């Protein structure tokens, strides 16, 4: 474990030091570690949820697999 000032001087971003501090507080207080939600993480989770929904809705008997994958990967760009 490093002291926050030492971490900052070592080039560790402040956000990482703050998150580590929060996790250590949770551990010492015997609380479950709280999840950090960021806009980027939420967007990624939404993409995954959409992809799973499309996969579950795909008709394996009559669906066009090429079109399915083109549509699926076109939505990622």
PDB file of N, CA and C in Angstrom:
ATOM      1  N   UNK A   1       0.847  -1.174   0.000  1.00  0.00           N
ATOM      2  CA  UNK A   1       0.000   0.000   0.000  1.00  0.00           C
ATOM      3  C   UNK A   1       0.890   1.234   0.000  1.00  0.00           C
ATOM      4  N   UNK A   2       0.525   2.211  -0.805  1.00  0.00           N
ATOM      5  CA  UNK A   2       1.353   3.413  -0.822  1.00  0.00           C
ATOM      6  C   UNK A   2       0.587   4.581  -0.226  1.00  0.00           C
ATOM      7  N   UNK A   3       1.335   5.501   0.306  1.00  0.00           N
ATOM      8  CA  UNK A   3       0.752   6.713   0.880  1.00  0.00           C
ATOM      9  C   UNK A   3       0.295   7.598  -0.285  1.00  0.00           C
ATOM     10  N   UNK A   4      -0.894   8.205  -0.200  1.00  0.00           N
ATOM     11  CA  UNK A   4      -1.414   8.989  -1.325  1.00  0.00           C
ATOM     12  C   UNK A   4      -0.420   9.980  -1.928  1.00  0.00           C
ATOM     13  N   UNK A   5       0.328  10.710  -1.101  1.00  0.00           N
ATOM     14  CA  UNK A   5       1.289  11.668  -1.647  1.00  0.00           C
ATOM     15  C   UNK A   5       2.360  10.983  -2.481  1.00  0.00           C
ATOM     16  N   UNK A   6       2.821   9.832  -2.008  1.00  0.00           N
ATOM     17  CA  UNK A   6       3.835   9.076  -2.734  1.00  0.00           C
ATOM     18  C   UNK A   6       3.263   8.609  -4.071  1.00  0.00           C
ATOM     19  N   UNK A   7       2.017   8.154  -4.071  1.00  0.00           N
ATOM     20  CA  UNK A   7       1.368   7.713  -5.308  1.00  0.00           C
ATOM     21  C   UNK A   7       1.284   8.859  -6.304  1.00  0.00           C
ATOM     22  N   UNK A   8       0.903  10.020  -5.820  1.00  0.00           N
ATOM     23  CA  UNK A   8       0.762  11.163  -6.725  1.00  0.00           C
ATOM     24  C   UNK A   8       2.113  11.557  -7.315  1.00  0.00           C
ATOM     25  N   UNK A   9       3.144  11.518  -6.505  1.00  0.00           N
ATOM     26  CA  UNK A   9       4.470  11.836  -7.017  1.00  0.00           C
ATOM     27  C   UNK A   9       4.951  10.766  -7.990  1.00  0.00           C
ATOM     28  N   UNK A  10       4.448   9.553  -7.830  1.00  0.00           N
ATOM     29  CA  UNK A  10       4.848   8.454  -8.711  1.00  0.00           C
ATOM     30  C   UNK A  10       4.056   8.467 -10.025  1.00  0.00           C
ATOM     31  N   UNK A  11       3.154   9.423 -10.171  1.00  0.00           N
ATOM     32  CA  UNK A  11       2.404   9.545 -11.415  1.00  0.00           C
ATOM     33  C   UNK A  11       1.074   8.821 -11.422  1.00  0.00           C
ATOM     34  N   UNK A  12       0.626   8.334 -10.267  1.00  0.00           N
ATOM     35  CA  UNK A  12      -0.672   7.673 -10.195  1.00  0.00           C
ATOM     36  C   UNK A  12      -1.752   8.764 -10.212  1.00  0.00           C
ATOM     37  N   UNK A  13      -2.733   8.655 -11.100  1.00  0.00           N
ATOM     38  CA  UNK A  13      -3.774   9.684 -11.173  1.00  0.00           C
ATOM     39  C   UNK A  13      -4.531   9.830  -9.850  1.00  0.00           C
ATOM     40  N   UNK A  14      -4.923  11.042  -9.548  1.00  0.00           N
ATOM     41  CA  UNK A  14      -5.630  11.350  -8.312  1.00  0.00           C
ATOM     42  C   UNK A  14      -6.905  10.509  -8.166  1.00  0.00           C
ATOM     43  N   UNK A  15      -7.618  10.274  -9.273  1.00  0.00           N
ATOM     44  CA  UNK A  15      -8.858   9.493  -9.207  1.00  0.00           C
ATOM     45  C   UNK A  15      -8.583   8.076  -8.701  1.00  0.00           C
ATOM     46  N   UNK A  16      -7.448   7.518  -9.119  1.00  0.00           N
ATOM     47  CA  UNK A  16      -7.086   6.163  -8.696  1.00  0.00           C
ATOM     48  C   UNK A  16      -6.776   6.150  -7.205  1.00  0.00           C
ATOM     49  N   UNK A  17      -6.065   7.154  -6.737  1.00  0.00           N
ATOM     50  CA  UNK A  17      -5.728   7.248  -5.318  1.00  0.00           C
ATOM     51  C   UNK A  17      -7.001   7.403  -4.487  1.00  0.00           C
ATOM     52  N   UNK A  18      -7.922   8.248  -4.947  1.00  0.00           N
ATOM     53  CA  UNK A  18      -9.183   8.453  -4.227  1.00  0.00           C
ATOM     54  C   UNK A  18     -10.001   7.171  -4.183  1.00  0.00           C
ATOM     55  N   UNK A  19     -10.060   6.448  -5.288  1.00  0.00           N
ATOM     56  CA  UNK A  19     -10.821   5.197  -5.329  1.00  0.00           C
ATOM     57  C   UNK A  19     -10.201   4.165  -4.399  1.00  0.00           C
ATOM     58  N   UNK A  20      -8.884   4.073  -4.393  1.00  0.00           N
ATOM     59  CA  UNK A  20      -8.201   3.140  -3.495  1.00  0.00           C
ATOM     60  C   UNK A  20      -8.501   3.477  -2.045  1.00  0.00           C
ATOM     61  N   UNK A  21      -8.510   4.752  -1.728  1.00  0.00           N
ATOM     62  CA  UNK A  21      -8.821   5.201  -0.374  1.00  0.00           C
ATOM     63  C   UNK A  21     -10.244   4.797   0.011  1.00  0.00           C
ATOM     64  N   UNK A  22     -11.191   4.972  -0.906  1.00  0.00           N
ATOM     65  CA  UNK A  22     -12.586   4.596  -0.654  1.00  0.00           C
ATOM     66  C   UNK A  22     -12.710   3.095  -0.424  1.00  0.00           C
ATOM     67  N   UNK A  23     -12.023   2.311  -1.232  1.00  0.00           N
ATOM     68  CA  UNK A  23     -12.071   0.853  -1.090  1.00  0.00           C
ATOM     69  C   UNK A  23     -11.487   0.434   0.254  1.00  0.00           C
ATOM     70  N   UNK A  24     -10.368   1.046   0.639  1.00  0.00           N
ATOM     71  CA  UNK A  24      -9.757   0.709   1.928  1.00  0.00           C
ATOM     72  C   UNK A  24     -10.688   1.062   3.088  1.00  0.00           C
ATOM     73  N   UNK A  25     -11.373   2.205   2.983  1.00  0.00           N
ATOM     74  CA  UNK A  25     -12.340   2.580   4.024  1.00  0.00           C
ATOM     75  C   UNK A  25     -13.442   1.537   4.126  1.00  0.00           C
ATOM     76  N   UNK A  26     -13.946   1.090   2.973  1.00  0.00           N
ATOM     77  CA  UNK A  26     -15.002   0.076   2.961  1.00  0.00           C
ATOM     78  C   UNK A  26     -14.520  -1.224   3.594  1.00  0.00           C
ATOM     79  N   UNK A  27     -13.304  -1.629   3.265  1.00  0.00           N
ATOM     80  CA  UNK A  27     -12.756  -2.870   3.817  1.00  0.00           C
ATOM     81  C   UNK A  27     -12.610  -2.776   5.331  1.00  0.00           C
ATOM     82  N   UNK A  28     -12.042  -1.667   5.798  1.00  0.00           N
ATOM     83  CA  UNK A  28     -11.832  -1.503   7.236  1.00  0.00           C
ATOM     84  C   UNK A  28     -13.149  -1.371   7.993  1.00  0.00           C
ATOM     85  N   UNK A  29     -14.180  -0.856   7.343  1.00  0.00           N
ATOM     86  CA  UNK A  29     -15.493  -0.704   7.980  1.00  0.00           C
ATOM     87  C   UNK A  29     -16.367  -1.939   7.779  1.00  0.00           C
ATOM     88  N   UNK A  30     -15.808  -2.946   7.085  1.00  0.00           N
ATOM     89  CA  UNK A  30     -16.519  -4.194   6.785  1.00  0.00           C
ATOM     90  C   UNK A  30     -17.823  -3.935   6.025  1.00  0.00           C
ATOM     91  N   UNK A  31     -17.790  -2.936   5.140  1.00  0.00           N
ATOM     92  CA  UNK A  31     -18.921  -2.647   4.259  1.00  0.00           C
ATOM     93  C   UNK A  31     -18.615  -3.227   2.893  1.00  0.00           C
ATOM     94  N   UNK A  32     -19.659  -3.558   2.132  1.00  0.00           N
ATOM     95  CA  UNK A  32     -19.411  -3.980   0.747  1.00  0.00           C
ATOM     96  C   UNK A  32     -18.797  -2.813  -0.032  1.00  0.00           C
ATOM     97  N   UNK A  33     -17.910  -3.130  -0.947  1.00  0.00           N
ATOM     98  CA  UNK A  33     -17.282  -2.087  -1.756  1.00  0.00           C
ATOM     99  C   UNK A  33     -18.306  -1.522  -2.728  1.00  0.00           C
ATOM    100  N   UNK A  34     -18.426  -0.219  -2.707  1.00  0.00           N
ATOM    101  CA  UNK A  34     -19.387   0.449  -3.583  1.00  0.00           C
ATOM    102  C   UNK A  34     -18.840   0.533  -4.998  1.00  0.00           C
ATOM    103  N   UNK A  35     -19.720   0.390  -5.949  1.00  0.00           N
ATOM    104  CA  UNK A  35     -19.332   0.418  -7.357  1.00  0.00           C
ATOM    105  C   UNK A  35     -19.255   1.862  -7.848  1.00  0.00           C
ATOM    106  N   UNK A  36     -18.237   2.145  -8.625  1.00  0.00           N
ATOM    107  CA  UNK A  36     -18.094   3.463  -9.223  1.00  0.00           C
ATOM    108  C   UNK A  36     -18.721   3.425 -10.608  1.00  0.00           C
ATOM    109  N   UNK A  37     -19.628   4.346 -10.853  1.00  0.00           N
ATOM    110  CA  UNK A  37     -20.301   4.413 -12.149  1.00  0.00           C
ATOM    111  C   UNK A  37     -19.786   5.645 -12.894  1.00  0.00           C
ATOM    112  N   UNK A  38     -19.355   5.427 -14.107  1.00  0.00           N
ATOM    113  CA  UNK A  38     -18.926   6.539 -14.943  1.00  0.00           C
ATOM    114  C   UNK A  38     -19.768   6.535 -16.208  1.00  0.00           C
ATOM    115  N   UNK A  39     -19.772   7.644 -16.911  1.00  0.00           N
ATOM    116  CA  UNK A  39     -20.534   7.730 -18.154  1.00  0.00           C
ATOM    117  C   UNK A  39     -20.036   6.707 -19.170  1.00  0.00           C
ATOM    118  N   UNK A  40     -18.724   6.531 -19.232  1.00  0.00           N
ATOM    119  CA  UNK A  40     -18.148   5.584 -20.190  1.00  0.00           C
ATOM    120  C   UNK A  40     -18.581   4.154 -19.858  1.00  0.00           C
ATOM    121  N   UNK A  41     -18.560   3.814 -18.575  1.00  0.00           N
ATOM    122  CA  UNK A  41     -18.978   2.482 -18.154  1.00  0.00           C
ATOM    123  C   UNK A  41     -20.458   2.263 -18.440  1.00  0.00           C
ATOM    124  N   UNK A  42     -21.279   3.270 -18.168  1.00  0.00           N
ATOM    125  CA  UNK A  42     -22.709   3.149 -18.443  1.00  0.00           C
ATOM    126  C   UNK A  42     -22.967   2.960 -19.935  1.00  0.00           C
ATOM    127  N   UNK A  43     -22.243   3.692 -20.776  1.00  0.00           N
ATOM    128  CA  UNK A  43     -22.414   3.568 -22.228  1.00  0.00           C
ATOM    129  C   UNK A  43     -22.014   2.175 -22.706  1.00  0.00           C
ATOM    130  N   UNK A  44     -20.936   1.648 -22.162  1.00  0.00           N
ATOM    131  CA  UNK A  44     -20.483   0.313 -22.532  1.00  0.00           C
ATOM    132  C   UNK A  44     -21.498  -0.740 -22.105  1.00  0.00           C
ATOM    133  N   UNK A  45     -22.014  -0.612 -20.894  1.00  0.00           N
ATOM    134  CA  UNK A  45     -23.021  -1.556 -20.412  1.00  0.00           C
ATOM    135  C   UNK A  45     -24.271  -1.508 -21.278  1.00  0.00           C
ATOM    136  N   UNK A  46     -24.659  -0.312 -21.711  1.00  0.00           N
ATOM    137  CA  UNK A  46     -25.838  -0.157 -22.575  1.00  0.00           C
ATOM    138  C   UNK A  46     -25.591  -0.867 -23.904  1.00  0.00           C
ATOM    139  N   UNK A  47     -24.394  -0.718 -24.471  1.00  0.00           N
ATOM    140  CA  UNK A  47     -24.057  -1.410 -25.722  1.00  0.00           C
ATOM    141  C   UNK A  47     -24.158  -2.922 -25.551  1.00  0.00           C
ATOM    142  N   UNK A  48     -23.634  -3.431 -24.448  1.00  0.00           N
ATOM    143  CA  UNK A  48     -23.701  -4.872 -24.196  1.00  0.00           C
ATOM    144  C   UNK A  48     -25.145  -5.337 -24.037  1.00  0.00           C
ATOM    145  N   UNK A  49     -25.939  -4.570 -23.307  1.00  0.00           N
ATOM    146  CA  UNK A  49     -27.344  -4.936 -23.119  1.00  0.00           C
ATOM    147  C   UNK A  49     -28.081  -4.948 -24.453  1.00  0.00           C
ATOM    148  N   UNK A  50     -27.825  -3.950 -25.287  1.00  0.00           N
ATOM    149  CA  UNK A  50     -28.458  -3.900 -26.609  1.00  0.00           C
ATOM    150  C   UNK A  50     -28.039  -5.092 -27.469  1.00  0.00           C
ATOM    151  N   UNK A  51     -26.760  -5.440 -27.419  1.00  0.00           N
ATOM    152  CA  UNK A  51     -26.259  -6.564 -28.210  1.00  0.00           C
ATOM    153  C   UNK A  51     -26.905  -7.876 -27.752  1.00  0.00           C
ATOM    154  N   UNK A  52     -27.037  -8.059 -26.445  1.00  0.00           N
ATOM    155  CA  UNK A  52     -27.660  -9.272 -25.920  1.00  0.00           C
ATOM    156  C   UNK A  52     -29.133  -9.317 -26.314  1.00  0.00           C
ATOM    157  N   UNK A  53     -29.821  -8.183 -26.243  1.00  0.00           N
ATOM    158  CA  UNK A  53     -31.235  -8.134 -26.632  1.00  0.00           C
ATOM    159  C   UNK A  53     -31.400  -8.515 -28.107  1.00  0.00           C
ATOM    160  N   UNK A  54     -30.518  -7.997 -28.961  1.00  0.00           N
ATOM    161  CA  UNK A  54     -30.580  -8.341 -30.388  1.00  0.00           C
ATOM    162  C   UNK A  54     -30.283  -9.824 -30.610  1.00  0.00           C
ATOM    163  N   UNK A  55     -29.316 -10.341 -29.871  1.00  0.00           N
ATOM    164  CA  UNK A  55     -28.965 -11.752 -29.995  1.00  0.00           C
ATOM    165  C   UNK A  55     -30.130 -12.645 -29.558  1.00  0.00           C
ATOM    166  N   UNK A  56     -30.772 -12.274 -28.460  1.00  0.00           N
ATOM    167  CA  UNK A  56     -31.893 -13.070 -27.968  1.00  0.00           C
ATOM    168  C   UNK A  56     -33.089 -13.013 -28.919  1.00  0.00           C
ATOM    169  N   UNK A  57     -33.233 -11.901 -29.634  1.00  0.00           N
ATOM    170  CA  UNK A  57     -34.364 -11.746 -30.555  1.00  0.00           C
ATOM    171  C   UNK A  57     -34.088 -12.363 -31.928  1.00  0.00           C
ATOM    172  N   UNK A  58     -32.856 -12.743 -32.198  1.00  0.00           N
ATOM    173  CA  UNK A  58     -32.491 -13.264 -33.507  1.00  0.00           C
ATOM    174  C   UNK A  58     -33.181 -14.601 -33.777  1.00  0.00           C
ATOM    175  N   UNK A  59     -33.759 -14.737 -34.940  1.00  0.00           N
ATOM    176  CA  UNK A  59     -34.425 -15.975 -35.360  1.00  0.00           C
ATOM    177  C   UNK A  59     -33.368 -16.912 -35.949  1.00  0.00           C
ATOM    178  N   UNK A  60     -33.000 -17.924 -35.181  1.00  0.00           N
ATOM    179  CA  UNK A  60     -31.935 -18.828 -35.625  1.00  0.00           C
ATOM    180  C   UNK A  60     -32.351 -19.714 -36.792  1.00  0.00           C
ATOM    181  N   UNK A  61     -33.636 -19.891 -36.978  1.00  0.00           N
ATOM    182  CA  UNK A  61     -34.119 -20.739 -38.072  1.00  0.00           C
ATOM    183  C   UNK A  61     -34.202 -19.983 -39.386  1.00  0.00           C
ATOM    184  N   UNK A  62     -34.682 -18.747 -39.344  1.00  0.00           N
ATOM    185  CA  UNK A  62     -34.949 -17.996 -40.577  1.00  0.00           C
ATOM    186  C   UNK A  62     -34.119 -16.728 -40.735  1.00  0.00           C
ATOM    187  N   UNK A  63     -33.355 -16.366 -39.719  1.00  0.00           N
ATOM    188  CA  UNK A  63     -32.612 -15.110 -39.762  1.00  0.00           C
ATOM    189  C   UNK A  63     -31.387 -15.176 -40.654  1.00  0.00           C
ATOM    190  N   UNK A  64     -30.991 -14.008 -41.149  1.00  0.00           N
ATOM    191  CA  UNK A  64     -29.801 -13.884 -41.991  1.00  0.00           C
ATOM    192  C   UNK A  64     -28.630 -13.500 -41.087  1.00  0.00           C
ATOM    193  N   UNK A  65     -27.740 -14.447 -40.845  1.00  0.00           N
ATOM    194  CA  UNK A  65     -26.633 -14.247 -39.920  1.00  0.00           C
ATOM    195  C   UNK A  65     -25.694 -13.124 -40.364  1.00  0.00           C
ATOM    196  N   UNK A  66     -25.410 -13.025 -41.646  1.00  0.00           N
ATOM    197  CA  UNK A  66     -24.533 -11.955 -42.144  1.00  0.00           C
ATOM    198  C   UNK A  66     -25.126 -10.580 -41.848  1.00  0.00           C
ATOM    199  N   UNK A  67     -26.404 -10.422 -42.145  1.00  0.00           N
ATOM    200  CA  UNK A  67     -27.073  -9.140 -41.882  1.00  0.00           C
ATOM    201  C   UNK A  67     -27.107  -8.834 -40.394  1.00  0.00           C
ATOM    202  N   UNK A  68     -27.336  -9.866 -39.606  1.00  0.00           N
ATOM    203  CA  UNK A  68     -27.377  -9.695 -38.155  1.00  0.00           C
ATOM    204  C   UNK A  68     -26.057  -9.120 -37.642  1.00  0.00           C
ATOM    205  N   UNK A  69     -24.939  -9.736 -38.048  1.00  0.00           N
ATOM    206  CA  UNK A  69     -23.644  -9.264 -37.565  1.00  0.00           C
ATOM    207  C   UNK A  69     -23.287  -7.896 -38.143  1.00  0.00           C
ATOM    208  N   UNK A  70     -23.658  -7.608 -39.373  1.00  0.00           N
ATOM    209  CA  UNK A  70     -23.415  -6.279 -39.935  1.00  0.00           C
ATOM    210  C   UNK A  70     -24.167  -5.223 -39.142  1.00  0.00           C
ATOM    211  N   UNK A  71     -25.415  -5.506 -38.804  1.00  0.00           N
ATOM    212  CA  UNK A  71     -26.213  -4.562 -38.016  1.00  0.00           C
ATOM    213  C   UNK A  71     -25.645  -4.406 -36.595  1.00  0.00           C
ATOM    214  N   UNK A  72     -25.269  -5.530 -36.001  1.00  0.00           N
ATOM    215  CA  UNK A  72     -24.746  -5.518 -34.646  1.00  0.00           C
ATOM    216  C   UNK A  72     -23.456  -4.707 -34.549  1.00  0.00           C
ATOM    217  N   UNK A  73     -22.524  -4.947 -35.456  1.00  0.00           N
ATOM    218  CA  UNK A  73     -21.241  -4.241 -35.388  1.00  0.00           C
ATOM    219  C   UNK A  73     -21.308  -2.843 -35.965  1.00  0.00           C
ATOM    220  N   UNK A  74     -22.294  -2.542 -36.793  1.00  0.00           N
ATOM    221  CA  UNK A  74     -22.458  -1.173 -37.296  1.00  0.00           C
ATOM    222  C   UNK A  74     -22.890  -0.244 -36.155  1.00  0.00           C
ATOM    223  N   UNK A  75     -23.647  -0.781 -35.193  1.00  0.00           N
ATOM    224  CA  UNK A  75     -24.124   0.050 -34.077  1.00  0.00           C
ATOM    225  C   UNK A  75     -23.002   0.388 -33.111  1.00  0.00           C
ATOM    226  N   UNK A  76     -21.868  -0.318 -33.161  1.00  0.00           N
ATOM    227  CA  UNK A  76     -20.736  -0.030 -32.273  1.00  0.00           C
ATOM    228  C   UNK A  76     -19.924   1.160 -32.750  1.00  0.00           C
ATOM    229  N   UNK A  77     -19.965   1.473 -34.036  1.00  0.00           N
ATOM    230  CA  UNK A  77     -19.119   2.553 -34.521  1.00  0.00           C
ATOM    231  C   UNK A  77     -19.737   3.898 -34.327  1.00  0.00           C
TER     232      UNK A  77
END
